[in-house]
C-alpha atoms as a PDB file:
ATOM      1  CA  UNK A   1       3.852   4.381   7.843  1.00  0.00           C
ATOM      2  CA  UNK A   2       2.438   1.905   5.321  1.00  0.00           C
ATOM      3  CA  UNK A   3       5.791   1.158   3.672  1.00  0.00           C
ATOM      4  CA  UNK A   4       5.713  -2.280   2.074  1.00  0.00           C
ATOM      5  CA  UNK A   5       2.001  -2.900   2.743  1.00  0.00           C
ATOM      6  CA  UNK A   6      -0.184  -4.221  -0.073  1.00  0.00           C
ATOM      7  CA  UNK A   7      -3.674  -2.739  -0.004  1.00  0.00           C
ATOM      8  CA  UNK A   8      -6.646  -3.856  -2.082  1.00  0.00           C
ATOM      9  CA  UNK A   9      -8.719  -0.771  -2.884  1.00  0.00           C
ATOM     10  CA  UNK A  10     -12.375  -1.063  -3.907  1.00  0.00           C
ATOM     11  CA  UNK A  11     -14.251   2.194  -4.533  1.00  0.00           C
ATOM     12  CA  UNK A  12     -16.853   2.921  -7.188  1.00  0.00           C
ATOM     13  CA  UNK A  13     -16.467   6.707  -7.048  1.00  0.00           C
ATOM     14  CA  UNK A  14     -13.658   7.443  -9.520  1.00  0.00           C
ATOM     15  CA  UNK A  15     -12.381  10.689  -7.988  1.00  0.00           C
ATOM     16  CA  UNK A  16     -12.372   9.283  -4.463  1.00  0.00           C
ATOM     17  CA  UNK A  17     -10.638   6.098  -5.630  1.00  0.00           C
ATOM     18  CA  UNK A  18      -7.972   8.125  -7.409  1.00  0.00           C
ATOM     19  CA  UNK A  19      -7.379  10.326  -4.361  1.00  0.00           C
ATOM     20  CA  UNK A  20      -7.222   7.361  -1.968  1.00  0.00           C
ATOM     21  CA  UNK A  21      -4.751   5.573  -4.222  1.00  0.00           C
ATOM     22  CA  UNK A  22      -2.507   8.630  -4.371  1.00  0.00           C
ATOM     23  CA  UNK A  23      -2.597   9.091  -0.587  1.00  0.00           C
ATOM     24  CA  UNK A  24      -1.882   5.428   0.114  1.00  0.00           C
ATOM     25  CA  UNK A  25       1.011   5.363  -2.345  1.00  0.00           C
ATOM     26  CA  UNK A  26       2.430   8.555  -0.804  1.00  0.00           C
ATOM     27  CA  UNK A  27       2.398   6.708   2.526  1.00  0.00           C
ATOM     28  CA  UNK A  28       4.455   3.912   0.973  1.00  0.00           C
ATOM     29  CA  UNK A  29       1.760   1.329   0.237  1.00  0.00           C
ATOM     30  CA  UNK A  30       1.514  -0.805  -2.878  1.00  0.00           C
ATOM     31  CA  UNK A  31      -2.081  -0.337  -4.030  1.00  0.00           C
ATOM     32  CA  UNK A  32      -3.874  -3.128  -5.869  1.00  0.00           C
ATOM     33  CA  UNK A  33      -6.594  -1.382  -7.841  1.00  0.00           C
ATOM     34  CA  UNK A  34      -8.650   0.624  -7.475  1.00  0.00           C
ATOM     35  CA  UNK A  35     -11.591  -1.497  -8.520  1.00  0.00           C
ATOM     36  CA  UNK A  36     -15.200  -0.361  -8.767  1.00  0.00           C
ATOM     37  CA  UNK A  37     -16.631  -3.720  -7.645  1.00  0.00           C
ATOM     38  CA  UNK A  38     -15.602  -6.460  -5.222  1.00  0.00           C
ATOM     39  CA  UNK A  39     -15.918  -9.317  -7.739  1.00  0.00           C
ATOM     40  CA  UNK A  40     -13.301  -8.041 -10.192  1.00  0.00           C
ATOM     41  CA  UNK A  41     -11.073  -7.024  -7.279  1.00  0.00           C
ATOM     42  CA  UNK A  42     -11.090 -10.567  -5.910  1.00  0.00           C
ATOM     43  CA  UNK A  43     -10.591 -12.031  -9.397  1.00  0.00           C
ATOM     44  CA  UNK A  44      -7.411  -9.968  -9.775  1.00  0.00           C
ATOM     45  CA  UNK A  45      -5.705 -11.513  -6.758  1.00  0.00           C
ATOM     46  CA  UNK A  46      -2.943 -14.081  -7.004  1.00  0.00           C
ATOM     47  CA  UNK A  47      -1.264 -16.036  -4.229  1.00  0.00           C
ATOM     48  CA  UNK A  48       1.946 -14.062  -4.654  1.00  0.00           C
ATOM     49  CA  UNK A  49       0.167 -10.692  -4.465  1.00  0.00           C
ATOM     50  CA  UNK A  50      -2.350 -11.138  -1.677  1.00  0.00           C
ATOM     51  CA  UNK A  51      -3.111  -7.875   0.087  1.00  0.00           C
ATOM     52  CA  UNK A  52      -2.375  -7.344   3.747  1.00  0.00           C
ATOM     53  CA  UNK A  53      -5.194  -4.814   3.964  1.00  0.00           C
ATOM     54  CA  UNK A  54      -8.459  -4.476   2.050  1.00  0.00           C
ATOM     55  CA  UNK A  55     -10.513  -1.303   2.065  1.00  0.00           C
ATOM     56  CA  UNK A  56     -13.836  -0.391   0.569  1.00  0.00           C
ATOM     57  CA  UNK A  57     -15.881   2.715   1.186  1.00  0.00           C
END
């Protein structure tokens, strides 16, 4: 369903972030992160690895 999608994941709750990452990867997504804060998440991005989807809870 998400095969080939790059998703930027920002979540400050460690267990939730870990679970979301696992679920997204199981659905075929490439997960960038997780990051606990938006600033570091944005700093990690490069032109060649821009996400197609960004999610924060």
